[in-house]
Amino acid sequence: MTSTTRADWTTRTLPTGRQYTSTRLGSVTVGGTTADVVVYLDPGWFARGRSRGRAEEVLRGANLTTGPGFTEIGYRVEDQDIDPDAFLAQAPGDLARLRPAT
């Protein structure tokens, strides 16, 4: 893995007590919409998805999440060995495809 961007993983605890691990890689802007690019660590994600009949492109796809004051493009991976630059390069296309029409 060669990358000019470093993935700094952080584990957070939700009010429910559930924990998650993620890394924020940066942000991208498309058509006036800016989104943070976040990768979530989710061991077993692909095996669970395949067992439920989900297509590979769905499992590897991006999710767009919006809320008061934030927009995020999220990706799931099974381990921390990622190429952050590859996610940052993919994010503008995903944001253009997923963002609401303005």
Protein backbone atom coordinates (compact mmCIF):
# COMPACT_ATOMS: atom_id res chain seq x y z
CA MET A 1 0.00 0.00 0.00
CA THR A 2 1.45 3.35 -1.05
CA SER A 3 -0.40 6.42 0.04
CA THR A 4 0.25 10.09 0.68
CA THR A 5 -2.71 10.16 3.09
CA ARG A 6 -2.55 8.42 6.44
CA ALA A 7 -5.48 6.61 8.06
CA ASP A 8 -5.77 7.53 11.75
CA TRP A 9 -8.27 5.08 13.23
CA THR A 10 -10.42 6.16 16.19
CA THR A 11 -12.81 4.08 18.31
CA ARG A 12 -15.87 5.89 19.59
CA THR A 13 -18.69 4.84 21.90
CA LEU A 14 -22.29 5.74 21.07
CA PRO A 15 -24.78 6.68 23.81
CA THR A 16 -26.17 3.14 23.46
CA GLY A 17 -22.80 1.72 24.49
CA ARG A 18 -22.08 0.32 21.02
CA GLN A 19 -18.57 1.06 19.77
CA TYR A 20 -17.36 1.71 16.25
CA THR A 21 -13.97 2.37 14.69
CA SER A 22 -13.51 4.80 11.82
CA THR A 23 -11.08 7.12 10.11
CA ARG A 24 -11.86 10.48 8.53
CA LEU A 25 -9.71 10.85 5.42
CA GLY A 26 -10.65 14.36 4.30
CA SER A 27 -13.46 15.94 2.36
CA VAL A 28 -14.59 16.34 -1.23
CA THR A 29 -16.86 18.88 -2.93
CA VAL A 30 -19.08 18.20 -5.93
CA GLY A 31 -21.59 20.68 -7.32
CA GLY A 32 -21.54 22.79 -4.17
CA THR A 33 -22.01 19.81 -1.81
CA THR A 34 -19.10 19.07 0.52
CA ALA A 35 -18.87 15.69 2.24
CA ASP A 36 -16.46 14.19 4.72
CA VAL A 37 -14.93 10.92 3.51
CA VAL A 38 -15.10 8.36 6.34
CA VAL A 39 -14.12 4.69 6.36
CA TYR A 40 -15.69 2.39 8.96
CA LEU A 41 -14.03 -0.77 10.21
CA ASP A 42 -16.60 -3.58 10.10
CA PRO A 43 -15.04 -7.08 10.31
CA GLY A 44 -17.30 -9.68 8.72
CA TRP A 45 -19.24 -7.10 6.64
CA PHE A 46 -18.65 -8.83 3.31
CA ALA A 47 -19.36 -12.36 4.58
CA ARG A 48 -22.61 -11.20 6.24
CA GLY A 49 -23.66 -9.32 3.10
CA ARG A 50 -22.94 -12.23 0.77
CA SER A 51 -24.86 -14.62 3.02
CA ARG A 52 -27.85 -12.28 2.69
CA GLY A 53 -27.57 -12.29 -1.10
CA ARG A 54 -26.22 -8.76 -1.52
CA ALA A 55 -24.38 -8.00 -4.73
CA GLU A 56 -20.67 -7.21 -4.59
CA GLU A 57 -21.19 -3.67 -5.92
CA VAL A 58 -23.64 -3.02 -3.07
CA LEU A 59 -21.22 -4.34 -0.47
CA ARG A 60 -18.38 -2.20 -1.80
CA GLY A 61 -20.54 0.85 -2.44
CA ALA A 62 -20.65 4.14 -0.62
CA ASN A 63 -23.35 5.40 1.71
CA LEU A 64 -24.36 9.05 1.84
CA THR A 65 -25.39 10.29 5.28
CA THR A 66 -26.62 13.80 5.96
CA GLY A 67 -27.72 15.57 9.09
CA PRO A 68 -27.79 19.02 10.61
CA GLY A 69 -24.53 20.59 9.54
CA PHE A 70 -22.85 17.54 8.01
CA THR A 71 -22.70 15.37 4.93
CA GLU A 72 -20.64 12.18 4.85
CA ILE A 73 -19.63 9.60 2.28
CA GLY A 74 -19.02 6.38 4.22
CA TYR A 75 -17.31 3.17 3.19
CA ARG A 76 -17.01 -0.14 5.09
CA VAL A 77 -13.87 -2.24 5.22
CA GLU A 78 -12.95 -5.42 7.05
CA ASP A 79 -9.46 -4.44 8.18
CA GLN A 80 -7.36 -1.34 8.71
CA ASP A 81 -4.99 -2.03 5.80
CA ILE A 82 -6.50 0.47 3.35
CA ASP A 83 -5.25 2.87 0.70
CA PRO A 84 -6.72 6.21 1.82
CA ASP A 85 -5.89 7.88 -1.52
CA ALA A 86 -8.00 5.31 -3.37
CA PHE A 87 -11.04 6.19 -1.23
CA LEU A 88 -10.43 9.92 -1.68
CA ALA A 89 -10.18 9.40 -5.45
CA GLN A 90 -13.43 7.39 -5.55
CA ALA A 91 -15.44 9.73 -3.30
CA PRO A 92 -16.21 12.55 -5.80
CA GLY A 93 -17.89 10.12 -8.20
CA ASP A 94 -19.89 8.55 -5.38
CA LEU A 95 -20.93 11.94 -4.04
CA ALA A 96 -22.04 13.06 -7.52
CA ARG A 97 -24.09 9.88 -7.91
CA LEU A 98 -25.66 9.90 -4.42
CA ARG A 99 -26.17 13.57 -3.56
CA PRO A 100 -29.68 14.95 -3.67
CA ALA A 101 -30.60 17.04 -6.72
CA THR A 102 -30.16 20.73 -6.08
